[in-house]
C-alpha atoms as a PDB file:
ATOM      1  CA  UNK A   1      92.541  80.862  96.367  1.00  0.00           C
ATOM      2  CA  UNK A   2      93.071  80.734  92.620  1.00  0.00           C
ATOM      3  CA  UNK A   3      96.302  79.650  91.036  1.00  0.00           C
ATOM      4  CA  UNK A   4      98.090  82.570  89.393  1.00  0.00           C
ATOM      5  CA  UNK A   5      96.569  85.939  88.609  1.00  0.00           C
ATOM      6  CA  UNK A   6      92.841  85.700  87.800  1.00  0.00           C
ATOM      7  CA  UNK A   7      92.306  85.188  84.092  1.00  0.00           C
ATOM      8  CA  UNK A   8      89.812  86.968  81.845  1.00  0.00           C
ATOM      9  CA  UNK A   9      88.477  85.709  78.519  1.00  0.00           C
ATOM     10  CA  UNK A  10      88.408  88.305  75.770  1.00  0.00           C
ATOM     11  CA  UNK A  11      86.403  87.867  72.574  1.00  0.00           C
ATOM     12  CA  UNK A  12      88.928  89.321  70.171  1.00  0.00           C
ATOM     13  CA  UNK A  13      88.858  86.649  67.509  1.00  0.00           C
ATOM     14  CA  UNK A  14      90.434  83.235  67.155  1.00  0.00           C
ATOM     15  CA  UNK A  15      93.677  84.378  65.559  1.00  0.00           C
ATOM     16  CA  UNK A  16      94.903  85.704  68.893  1.00  0.00           C
ATOM     17  CA  UNK A  17      95.329  82.045  69.942  1.00  0.00           C
ATOM     18  CA  UNK A  18      94.454  82.605  73.588  1.00  0.00           C
ATOM     19  CA  UNK A  19      94.368  79.519  75.779  1.00  0.00           C
ATOM     20  CA  UNK A  20      93.484  78.494  79.320  1.00  0.00           C
ATOM     21  CA  UNK A  21      97.182  78.088  80.131  1.00  0.00           C
ATOM     22  CA  UNK A  22      98.300  80.071  83.176  1.00  0.00           C
ATOM     23  CA  UNK A  23     101.616  81.210  81.762  1.00  0.00           C
ATOM     24  CA  UNK A  24     103.544  79.912  84.781  1.00  0.00           C
ATOM     25  CA  UNK A  25     107.251  80.555  84.386  1.00  0.00           C
ATOM     26  CA  UNK A  26     106.785  83.040  81.551  1.00  0.00           C
ATOM     27  CA  UNK A  27     109.401  85.780  81.593  1.00  0.00           C
ATOM     28  CA  UNK A  28     106.777  88.546  81.621  1.00  0.00           C
ATOM     29  CA  UNK A  29     103.848  88.273  84.033  1.00  0.00           C
ATOM     30  CA  UNK A  30     100.728  90.424  83.697  1.00  0.00           C
ATOM     31  CA  UNK A  31      97.896  90.580  86.209  1.00  0.00           C
ATOM     32  CA  UNK A  32      94.291  90.008  85.073  1.00  0.00           C
ATOM     33  CA  UNK A  33      95.330  88.917  81.599  1.00  0.00           C
ATOM     34  CA  UNK A  34      94.933  85.841  79.430  1.00  0.00           C
ATOM     35  CA  UNK A  35      98.036  83.951  78.358  1.00  0.00           C
ATOM     36  CA  UNK A  36      98.860  83.519  74.660  1.00  0.00           C
ATOM     37  CA  UNK A  37     101.544  80.871  73.948  1.00  0.00           C
ATOM     38  CA  UNK A  38     104.108  81.197  71.189  1.00  0.00           C
ATOM     39  CA  UNK A  39     106.092  84.080  69.806  1.00  0.00           C
ATOM     40  CA  UNK A  40     104.830  87.629  69.588  1.00  0.00           C
ATOM     41  CA  UNK A  41     102.424  87.806  66.628  1.00  0.00           C
ATOM     42  CA  UNK A  42     103.148  89.595  63.377  1.00  0.00           C
ATOM     43  CA  UNK A  43     100.843  92.449  62.357  1.00  0.00           C
ATOM     44  CA  UNK A  44      97.743  91.624  60.285  1.00  0.00           C
ATOM     45  CA  UNK A  45      96.400  95.087  59.348  1.00  0.00           C
ATOM     46  CA  UNK A  46      95.020  95.707  62.817  1.00  0.00           C
ATOM     47  CA  UNK A  47      94.646  99.006  64.674  1.00  0.00           C
ATOM     48  CA  UNK A  48      97.644 101.041  65.679  1.00  0.00           C
ATOM     49  CA  UNK A  49      99.057 102.040  69.030  1.00  0.00           C
ATOM     50  CA  UNK A  50      99.279 105.791  69.582  1.00  0.00           C
ATOM     51  CA  UNK A  51     101.444 105.803  72.711  1.00  0.00           C
ATOM     52  CA  UNK A  52     102.972 103.436  75.278  1.00  0.00           C
ATOM     53  CA  UNK A  53     104.345 104.697  78.576  1.00  0.00           C
ATOM     54  CA  UNK A  54     105.627 103.155  81.789  1.00  0.00           C
ATOM     55  CA  UNK A  55     108.366 103.108  84.399  1.00  0.00           C
ATOM     56  CA  UNK A  56     111.962 103.045  83.174  1.00  0.00           C
ATOM     57  CA  UNK A  57     112.863 100.173  85.507  1.00  0.00           C
ATOM     58  CA  UNK A  58     111.314  97.480  87.667  1.00  0.00           C
ATOM     59  CA  UNK A  59     112.648  94.960  90.171  1.00  0.00           C
ATOM     60  CA  UNK A  60     112.742  91.328  89.080  1.00  0.00           C
ATOM     61  CA  UNK A  61     110.308  89.165  91.027  1.00  0.00           C
ATOM     62  CA  UNK A  62     107.943  92.012  91.964  1.00  0.00           C
ATOM     63  CA  UNK A  63     104.601  92.490  90.224  1.00  0.00           C
ATOM     64  CA  UNK A  64     103.509  96.081  90.663  1.00  0.00           C
ATOM     65  CA  UNK A  65     104.809  98.068  87.663  1.00  0.00           C
ATOM     66  CA  UNK A  66     102.207  99.905  85.580  1.00  0.00           C
ATOM     67  CA  UNK A  67     102.150 100.127  81.800  1.00  0.00           C
ATOM     68  CA  UNK A  68      99.682 102.386  79.962  1.00  0.00           C
ATOM     69  CA  UNK A  69      98.913 102.747  76.261  1.00  0.00           C
ATOM     70  CA  UNK A  70      96.615 104.822  74.077  1.00  0.00           C
ATOM     71  CA  UNK A  71      95.157 102.814  71.176  1.00  0.00           C
ATOM     72  CA  UNK A  72      93.576 103.625  67.842  1.00  0.00           C
ATOM     73  CA  UNK A  73      89.777 104.190  67.926  1.00  0.00           C
ATOM     74  CA  UNK A  74      88.820 100.742  66.586  1.00  0.00           C
ATOM     75  CA  UNK A  75      90.978  98.786  69.076  1.00  0.00           C
ATOM     76  CA  UNK A  76      89.244  96.325  71.385  1.00  0.00           C
ATOM     77  CA  UNK A  77      92.258  95.020  73.251  1.00  0.00           C
ATOM     78  CA  UNK A  78      96.014  94.621  73.245  1.00  0.00           C
ATOM     79  CA  UNK A  79      98.659  91.887  73.186  1.00  0.00           C
ATOM     80  CA  UNK A  80     101.689  92.447  75.421  1.00  0.00           C
ATOM     81  CA  UNK A  81     104.896  90.427  75.396  1.00  0.00           C
ATOM     82  CA  UNK A  82     108.625  90.553  75.982  1.00  0.00           C
ATOM     83  CA  UNK A  83     110.860  90.843  72.931  1.00  0.00           C
ATOM     84  CA  UNK A  84     112.649  87.560  72.243  1.00  0.00           C
ATOM     85  CA  UNK A  85     110.578  85.551  74.749  1.00  0.00           C
ATOM     86  CA  UNK A  86     107.887  82.975  74.076  1.00  0.00           C
ATOM     87  CA  UNK A  87     104.395  83.763  75.273  1.00  0.00           C
ATOM     88  CA  UNK A  88     102.401  86.977  75.480  1.00  0.00           C
ATOM     89  CA  UNK A  89      99.287  88.284  77.249  1.00  0.00           C
ATOM     90  CA  UNK A  90      95.916  89.581  76.079  1.00  0.00           C
ATOM     91  CA  UNK A  91      94.091  92.390  77.880  1.00  0.00           C
ATOM     92  CA  UNK A  92      90.829  94.157  77.094  1.00  0.00           C
ATOM     93  CA  UNK A  93      90.834  97.807  76.108  1.00  0.00           C
ATOM     94  CA  UNK A  94      89.658 100.324  78.696  1.00  0.00           C
ATOM     95  CA  UNK A  95      87.878 103.646  78.583  1.00  0.00           C
ATOM     96  CA  UNK A  96      89.563 106.579  76.805  1.00  0.00           C
ATOM     97  CA  UNK A  97      91.712 108.896  78.865  1.00  0.00           C
ATOM     98  CA  UNK A  98      90.397 112.382  79.567  1.00  0.00           C
ATOM     99  CA  UNK A  99      92.895 113.995  77.209  1.00  0.00           C
ATOM    100  CA  UNK A 100      92.447 111.437  74.385  1.00  0.00           C
ATOM    101  CA  UNK A 101      88.677 111.112  73.876  1.00  0.00           C
ATOM    102  CA  UNK A 102      87.606 108.527  71.319  1.00  0.00           C
ATOM    103  CA  UNK A 103      90.794 106.510  71.732  1.00  0.00           C
ATOM    104  CA  UNK A 104      90.584 103.470  74.021  1.00  0.00           C
ATOM    105  CA  UNK A 105      93.317 102.854  76.560  1.00  0.00           C
ATOM    106  CA  UNK A 106      95.182  99.735  77.667  1.00  0.00           C
ATOM    107  CA  UNK A 107      96.507  99.499  81.216  1.00  0.00           C
ATOM    108  CA  UNK A 108      98.378  96.582  82.776  1.00  0.00           C
ATOM    109  CA  UNK A 109     100.249  95.746  85.965  1.00  0.00           C
ATOM    110  CA  UNK A 110     103.256  93.592  85.208  1.00  0.00           C
ATOM    111  CA  UNK A 111     106.450  92.104  86.572  1.00  0.00           C
ATOM    112  CA  UNK A 112     109.404  89.972  85.523  1.00  0.00           C
ATOM    113  CA  UNK A 113     109.750  86.351  86.568  1.00  0.00           C
ATOM    114  CA  UNK A 114     112.767  85.636  88.833  1.00  0.00           C
ATOM    115  CA  UNK A 115     114.328  83.668  85.961  1.00  0.00           C
ATOM    116  CA  UNK A 116     114.777  86.886  83.933  1.00  0.00           C
ATOM    117  CA  UNK A 117     118.339  88.183  83.779  1.00  0.00           C
ATOM    118  CA  UNK A 118     118.982  91.661  85.097  1.00  0.00           C
ATOM    119  CA  UNK A 119     119.501  94.295  82.425  1.00  0.00           C
ATOM    120  CA  UNK A 120     117.637  96.040  79.593  1.00  0.00           C
ATOM    121  CA  UNK A 121     114.424  94.440  78.319  1.00  0.00           C
ATOM    122  CA  UNK A 122     111.947  95.515  75.638  1.00  0.00           C
ATOM    123  CA  UNK A 123     108.194  95.142  76.126  1.00  0.00           C
ATOM    124  CA  UNK A 124     106.072  94.942  72.966  1.00  0.00           C
ATOM    125  CA  UNK A 125     102.423  96.027  72.777  1.00  0.00           C
ATOM    126  CA  UNK A 126     100.129  95.634  69.769  1.00  0.00           C
ATOM    127  CA  UNK A 127      96.473  96.661  69.540  1.00  0.00           C
ATOM    128  CA  UNK A 128      93.804  94.241  68.292  1.00  0.00           C
ATOM    129  CA  UNK A 129      90.292  94.761  66.947  1.00  0.00           C
ATOM    130  CA  UNK A 130      87.048  92.808  67.264  1.00  0.00           C
ATOM    131  CA  UNK A 131      87.945  90.627  64.265  1.00  0.00           C
ATOM    132  CA  UNK A 132      91.263  89.596  65.801  1.00  0.00           C
ATOM    133  CA  UNK A 133      93.409  91.696  63.489  1.00  0.00           C
ATOM    134  CA  UNK A 134      96.690  92.784  65.071  1.00  0.00           C
ATOM    135  CA  UNK A 135      98.405  96.110  64.602  1.00  0.00           C
ATOM    136  CA  UNK A 136     102.086  96.975  64.372  1.00  0.00           C
ATOM    137  CA  UNK A 137     103.711  96.601  67.796  1.00  0.00           C
ATOM    138  CA  UNK A 138     105.063  99.535  69.764  1.00  0.00           C
ATOM    139  CA  UNK A 139     107.921  99.062  72.192  1.00  0.00           C
ATOM    140  CA  UNK A 140     108.837 100.183  75.698  1.00  0.00           C
ATOM    141  CA  UNK A 141     112.406  99.820  76.972  1.00  0.00           C
ATOM    142  CA  UNK A 142     112.642  98.789  80.629  1.00  0.00           C
ATOM    143  CA  UNK A 143     115.607  97.937  82.857  1.00  0.00           C
ATOM    144  CA  UNK A 144     115.059  94.757  84.885  1.00  0.00           C
ATOM    145  CA  UNK A 145     116.805  95.175  88.218  1.00  0.00           C
ATOM    146  CA  UNK A 146     117.960  92.300  90.382  1.00  0.00           C
ATOM    147  CA  UNK A 147     115.920  91.798  93.553  1.00  0.00           C
ATOM    148  CA  UNK A 148     118.003  91.273  96.675  1.00  0.00           C
ATOM    149  CA  UNK A 149     117.292  87.953  98.388  1.00  0.00           C
ATOM    150  CA  UNK A 150     117.454  87.979 102.208  1.00  0.00           C
ATOM    151  CA  UNK A 151     120.597  86.278 103.471  1.00  0.00           C
ATOM    152  CA  UNK A 152     120.073  82.772 104.777  1.00  0.00           C
ATOM    153  CA  UNK A 153     120.750  79.068 104.381  1.00  0.00           C
ATOM    154  CA  UNK A 154     117.057  78.580 103.598  1.00  0.00           C
ATOM    155  CA  UNK A 155     114.653  81.430 102.796  1.00  0.00           C
ATOM    156  CA  UNK A 156     110.929  81.079 102.061  1.00  0.00           C
ATOM    157  CA  UNK A 157     109.362  84.325 100.831  1.00  0.00           C
ATOM    158  CA  UNK A 158     105.887  85.643 100.083  1.00  0.00           C
ATOM    159  CA  UNK A 159     105.374  88.846  98.094  1.00  0.00           C
ATOM    160  CA  UNK A 160     102.230  90.594  96.906  1.00  0.00           C
ATOM    161  CA  UNK A 161     101.182  93.961  95.494  1.00  0.00           C
ATOM    162  CA  UNK A 162      98.025  94.859  97.372  1.00  0.00           C
ATOM    163  CA  UNK A 163      96.681  96.443 100.535  1.00  0.00           C
ATOM    164  CA  UNK A 164      95.578  92.950 101.628  1.00  0.00           C
ATOM    165  CA  UNK A 165      96.842  91.394 104.860  1.00  0.00           C
ATOM    166  CA  UNK A 166      98.293  88.043 103.777  1.00  0.00           C
ATOM    167  CA  UNK A 167     100.211  85.637 106.017  1.00  0.00           C
ATOM    168  CA  UNK A 168     102.996  83.261 105.081  1.00  0.00           C
ATOM    169  CA  UNK A 169     102.839  79.869 106.827  1.00  0.00           C
ATOM    170  CA  UNK A 170     105.852  77.524 106.623  1.00  0.00           C
ATOM    171  CA  UNK A 171     105.592  74.017 108.088  1.00  0.00           C
ATOM    172  CA  UNK A 172     108.843  72.072 108.502  1.00  0.00           C
ATOM    173  CA  UNK A 173     109.211  68.257 108.402  1.00  0.00           C
ATOM    174  CA  UNK A 174     109.201  68.034 112.227  1.00  0.00           C
ATOM    175  CA  UNK A 175     105.837  69.773 112.543  1.00  0.00           C
ATOM    176  CA  UNK A 176     107.137  73.216 113.469  1.00  0.00           C
ATOM    177  CA  UNK A 177     105.170  76.016 111.831  1.00  0.00           C
ATOM    178  CA  UNK A 178     106.076  79.698 111.538  1.00  0.00           C
ATOM    179  CA  UNK A 179     103.548  82.438 110.826  1.00  0.00           C
ATOM    180  CA  UNK A 180     102.650  85.846 112.226  1.00  0.00           C
ATOM    181  CA  UNK A 181     101.108  84.517 115.485  1.00  0.00           C
ATOM    182  CA  UNK A 182     104.055  82.134 116.108  1.00  0.00           C
ATOM    183  CA  UNK A 183     107.006  83.470 114.146  1.00  0.00           C
ATOM    184  CA  UNK A 184     109.375  80.504 114.652  1.00  0.00           C
ATOM    185  CA  UNK A 185     109.372  76.865 113.553  1.00  0.00           C
ATOM    186  CA  UNK A 186     111.271  75.753 116.673  1.00  0.00           C
ATOM    187  CA  UNK A 187     109.283  73.401 118.913  1.00  0.00           C
ATOM    188  CA  UNK A 188     108.921  73.632 122.677  1.00  0.00           C
ATOM    189  CA  UNK A 189     110.999  71.038 124.593  1.00  0.00           C
ATOM    190  CA  UNK A 190     109.279  67.880 125.778  1.00  0.00           C
ATOM    191  CA  UNK A 191     108.161  67.893 129.428  1.00  0.00           C
ATOM    192  CA  UNK A 192     111.098  67.129 131.708  1.00  0.00           C
ATOM    193  CA  UNK A 193     113.700  68.031 129.084  1.00  0.00           C
ATOM    194  CA  UNK A 194     116.146  70.887 129.799  1.00  0.00           C
ATOM    195  CA  UNK A 195     115.442  74.209 128.109  1.00  0.00           C
ATOM    196  CA  UNK A 196     118.107  75.412 125.676  1.00  0.00           C
ATOM    197  CA  UNK A 197     117.923  79.230 125.709  1.00  0.00           C
ATOM    198  CA  UNK A 198     119.427  79.377 122.204  1.00  0.00           C
ATOM    199  CA  UNK A 199     117.170  76.751 120.620  1.00  0.00           C
ATOM    200  CA  UNK A 200     114.796  79.328 119.149  1.00  0.00           C
ATOM    201  CA  UNK A 201     117.675  80.747 117.096  1.00  0.00           C
ATOM    202  CA  UNK A 202     118.035  77.471 115.184  1.00  0.00           C
ATOM    203  CA  UNK A 203     114.542  77.551 113.644  1.00  0.00           C
ATOM    204  CA  UNK A 204     113.036  79.292 110.683  1.00  0.00           C
ATOM    205  CA  UNK A 205     112.074  82.766 111.909  1.00  0.00           C
ATOM    206  CA  UNK A 206     109.543  85.139 110.322  1.00  0.00           C
ATOM    207  CA  UNK A 207     111.182  88.494 109.605  1.00  0.00           C
ATOM    208  CA  UNK A 208     108.010  90.610 109.932  1.00  0.00           C
ATOM    209  CA  UNK A 209     104.226  90.649 109.449  1.00  0.00           C
ATOM    210  CA  UNK A 210     103.601  92.354 106.107  1.00  0.00           C
ATOM    211  CA  UNK A 211     100.591  94.669 105.732  1.00  0.00           C
ATOM    212  CA  UNK A 212      99.521  93.802 109.272  1.00  0.00           C
ATOM    213  CA  UNK A 213      95.999  95.052 110.005  1.00  0.00           C
ATOM    214  CA  UNK A 214      95.850  96.588 106.510  1.00  0.00           C
ATOM    215  CA  UNK A 215      98.721  98.991 107.188  1.00  0.00           C
ATOM    216  CA  UNK A 216     100.347  99.123 103.766  1.00  0.00           C
ATOM    217  CA  UNK A 217     104.008  98.151 103.378  1.00  0.00           C
ATOM    218  CA  UNK A 218     105.885  99.010 100.212  1.00  0.00           C
ATOM    219  CA  UNK A 219     106.403  96.437  98.940  1.00  0.00           C
ATOM    220  CA  UNK A 220     104.366  93.905 100.917  1.00  0.00           C
ATOM    221  CA  UNK A 221     106.351  90.755 101.719  1.00  0.00           C
ATOM    222  CA  UNK A 222     107.243  88.235 104.429  1.00  0.00           C
ATOM    223  CA  UNK A 223     110.110  85.756 104.795  1.00  0.00           C
ATOM    224  CA  UNK A 224     110.788  82.763 107.015  1.00  0.00           C
ATOM    225  CA  UNK A 225     114.574  82.482 107.274  1.00  0.00           C
ATOM    226  CA  UNK A 226     116.994  79.853 108.592  1.00  0.00           C
ATOM    227  CA  UNK A 227     120.445  81.374 109.106  1.00  0.00           C
ATOM    228  CA  UNK A 228     123.325  81.679 111.570  1.00  0.00           C
ATOM    229  CA  UNK A 229     122.373  84.156 114.286  1.00  0.00           C
ATOM    230  CA  UNK A 230     124.310  85.687 117.178  1.00  0.00           C
ATOM    231  CA  UNK A 231     123.537  84.128 120.560  1.00  0.00           C
ATOM    232  CA  UNK A 232     124.515  84.881 124.117  1.00  0.00           C
ATOM    233  CA  UNK A 233     127.495  82.505 123.868  1.00  0.00           C
ATOM    234  CA  UNK A 234     128.439  82.988 120.239  1.00  0.00           C
ATOM    235  CA  UNK A 235     126.918  82.325 116.847  1.00  0.00           C
ATOM    236  CA  UNK A 236     124.140  79.717 116.622  1.00  0.00           C
ATOM    237  CA  UNK A 237     123.870  77.716 113.380  1.00  0.00           C
ATOM    238  CA  UNK A 238     120.436  76.930 111.939  1.00  0.00           C
ATOM    239  CA  UNK A 239     118.932  73.448 112.147  1.00  0.00           C
ATOM    240  CA  UNK A 240     117.215  72.683 108.842  1.00  0.00           C
ATOM    241  CA  UNK A 241     115.437  69.306 109.112  1.00  0.00           C
ATOM    242  CA  UNK A 242     115.508  66.945 106.145  1.00  0.00           C
ATOM    243  CA  UNK A 243     112.159  66.102 104.580  1.00  0.00           C
ATOM    244  CA  UNK A 244     109.168  67.847 103.052  1.00  0.00           C
ATOM    245  CA  UNK A 245     108.241  71.463 103.796  1.00  0.00           C
ATOM    246  CA  UNK A 246     104.796  72.921 103.147  1.00  0.00           C
ATOM    247  CA  UNK A 247     104.280  76.587 102.279  1.00  0.00           C
ATOM    248  CA  UNK A 248     100.809  78.120 102.658  1.00  0.00           C
ATOM    249  CA  UNK A 249      99.324  81.555 102.011  1.00  0.00           C
ATOM    250  CA  UNK A 250      96.535  82.719 104.316  1.00  0.00           C
ATOM    251  CA  UNK A 251      94.345  85.740 103.542  1.00  0.00           C
ATOM    252  CA  UNK A 252      93.463  87.392 106.851  1.00  0.00           C
ATOM    253  CA  UNK A 253      91.825  90.327 105.093  1.00  0.00           C
ATOM    254  CA  UNK A 254      91.677  91.706 101.573  1.00  0.00           C
ATOM    255  CA  UNK A 255      91.343  95.182 103.117  1.00  0.00           C
ATOM    256  CA  UNK A 256      90.389  97.532 100.262  1.00  0.00           C
ATOM    257  CA  UNK A 257      91.025  95.086  97.431  1.00  0.00           C
ATOM    258  CA  UNK A 258      88.761  92.663  95.575  1.00  0.00           C
ATOM    259  CA  UNK A 259      91.617  90.158  95.274  1.00  0.00           C
ATOM    260  CA  UNK A 260      95.346  89.913  95.929  1.00  0.00           C
ATOM    261  CA  UNK A 261      97.854  88.312  93.565  1.00  0.00           C
ATOM    262  CA  UNK A 262     100.808  86.742  95.383  1.00  0.00           C
ATOM    263  CA  UNK A 263     104.132  85.078  94.632  1.00  0.00           C
ATOM    264  CA  UNK A 264     105.975  82.492  96.768  1.00  0.00           C
ATOM    265  CA  UNK A 265     109.641  81.604  96.319  1.00  0.00           C
ATOM    266  CA  UNK A 266     112.138  79.341  98.085  1.00  0.00           C
ATOM    267  CA  UNK A 267     115.893  79.962  98.107  1.00  0.00           C
ATOM    268  CA  UNK A 268     118.711  77.765  99.367  1.00  0.00           C
ATOM    269  CA  UNK A 269     121.802  79.922  99.960  1.00  0.00           C
ATOM    270  CA  UNK A 270     120.707  82.354  97.270  1.00  0.00           C
ATOM    271  CA  UNK A 271     119.700  79.735  94.677  1.00  0.00           C
ATOM    272  CA  UNK A 272     116.036  79.596  93.645  1.00  0.00           C
ATOM    273  CA  UNK A 273     114.649  76.148  94.529  1.00  0.00           C
ATOM    274  CA  UNK A 274     110.911  76.511  93.962  1.00  0.00           C
ATOM    275  CA  UNK A 275     108.272  79.139  93.167  1.00  0.00           C
ATOM    276  CA  UNK A 276     104.521  79.461  92.796  1.00  0.00           C
ATOM    277  CA  UNK A 277     101.904  82.127  92.109  1.00  0.00           C
ATOM    278  CA  UNK A 278      98.289  82.493  93.107  1.00  0.00           C
ATOM    279  CA  UNK A 279      95.475  84.861  93.929  1.00  0.00           C
ATOM    280  CA  UNK A 280      93.622  85.344  97.201  1.00  0.00           C
ATOM    281  CA  UNK A 281      89.883  85.940  96.804  1.00  0.00           C
ATOM    282  CA  UNK A 282      87.117  86.831  99.296  1.00  0.00           C
ATOM    283  CA  UNK A 283      86.321  83.175  99.977  1.00  0.00           C
ATOM    284  CA  UNK A 284      89.873  82.701 101.298  1.00  0.00           C
ATOM    285  CA  UNK A 285      89.264  85.174 104.118  1.00  0.00           C
ATOM    286  CA  UNK A 286      86.612  82.938 105.701  1.00  0.00           C
ATOM    287  CA  UNK A 287      87.538  80.567 108.525  1.00  0.00           C
ATOM    288  CA  UNK A 288      90.158  80.812 111.232  1.00  0.00           C
ATOM    289  CA  UNK A 289      93.696  82.029 110.691  1.00  0.00           C
ATOM    290  CA  UNK A 290      95.617  79.875 113.117  1.00  0.00           C
ATOM    291  CA  UNK A 291      98.162  77.095 112.560  1.00  0.00           C
ATOM    292  CA  UNK A 292      97.514  75.205 109.338  1.00  0.00           C
ATOM    293  CA  UNK A 293      95.483  78.049 107.826  1.00  0.00           C
ATOM    294  CA  UNK A 294      95.703  79.094 104.213  1.00  0.00           C
ATOM    295  CA  UNK A 295      95.973  77.328 100.892  1.00  0.00           C
ATOM    296  CA  UNK A 296      99.048  75.306  99.986  1.00  0.00           C
ATOM    297  CA  UNK A 297     101.201  77.262  97.548  1.00  0.00           C
ATOM    298  CA  UNK A 298     103.890  74.596  97.167  1.00  0.00           C
ATOM    299  CA  UNK A 299     105.843  71.845  98.894  1.00  0.00           C
ATOM    300  CA  UNK A 300     109.555  71.153  98.593  1.00  0.00           C
ATOM    301  CA  UNK A 301     111.947  68.557  99.958  1.00  0.00           C
ATOM    302  CA  UNK A 302     115.320  69.014 101.602  1.00  0.00           C
ATOM    303  CA  UNK A 303     117.645  65.990 101.568  1.00  0.00           C
END
C-alpha cells in the first residue's frame, strides 16, 4: 500500500520545480502525477495548448473525473492546477489522438479535496517542453458539487475509483472491528451475561460491501456508521467508546486494475475530523483478509 496516488518522475527540466511531496491536502488532486508546490507558473515561451475538455461538474471528495487536452507538437508534458490555489501537478504527455496526429495529448483523472468549497472552479493547464519551458495556460471551468455525507454521529468512509474489491476495516477502542465479514463493531456478551437483543444497534455498522467480488459499484465506497437506529422497543442510541480508533484499507482483489487509489475520511456529526489517501498495489492483495487485515490509513481519538 503506497501513500497517496502513485507518483511518476518526469524529466521536463528543473524549472518545473517538481518535488517528492505528496500534495496531501491540496485542493486539486490528480492521480499518477507529480506534485509541484507553489503558485501556478507563468509562461516562459513554452508550447501551447490546442484544446482542453472535461466534465462540467464533479462531486467534491470523489476522484474519478477525466480531463483531456491536445498539446502543441513539441510538448512533452503538462502542468495542471486550480486557479487561486497553491500547488499544481505535472503529468507526462501521451500519444496523439486519432483525429489530431502529430499533436501529443494530456489525460488526467482528478478530484477536489473535501476542503474545497462547493461552487465554480477554474482548472488551469499549461504545456511544457523537454527544456522545461512552459506555455500559456488554458482554462476549464468546472462546478464543484457538495458530496452528501451519510447521516450519523460518527461516520468512517472509504471511497475509490476502480474495479478493485477493497474493504474498510474500523477498529474501535474496545476491540470491536467492523468489516465486510463482520459488519458491526459490537462485541458478543461475556459468557453468562444476558443477551441484549438491541445491543448490535449501538455499534458502528458497515452500510454495504463495495465492489464485492469485482462487481462494480458507481461510485465504489463503504461506510461504518454509528447513529440512532429504530429498535423493537423504540430508538436505540449509538455507543461510541472514547479512545483511539484505527482505520485500515484491505485489498481483497485488484480485479482488472493494476492499482487502486483510495480516500478515507472520518466525520463527526457532519464535520470532517480526519482524512487520508493511499494506493493499493498487487502486494497488498497477498495474505489473509480477516480481522486486522489491511494497511493502516489513519488513527483518530474520541474524547
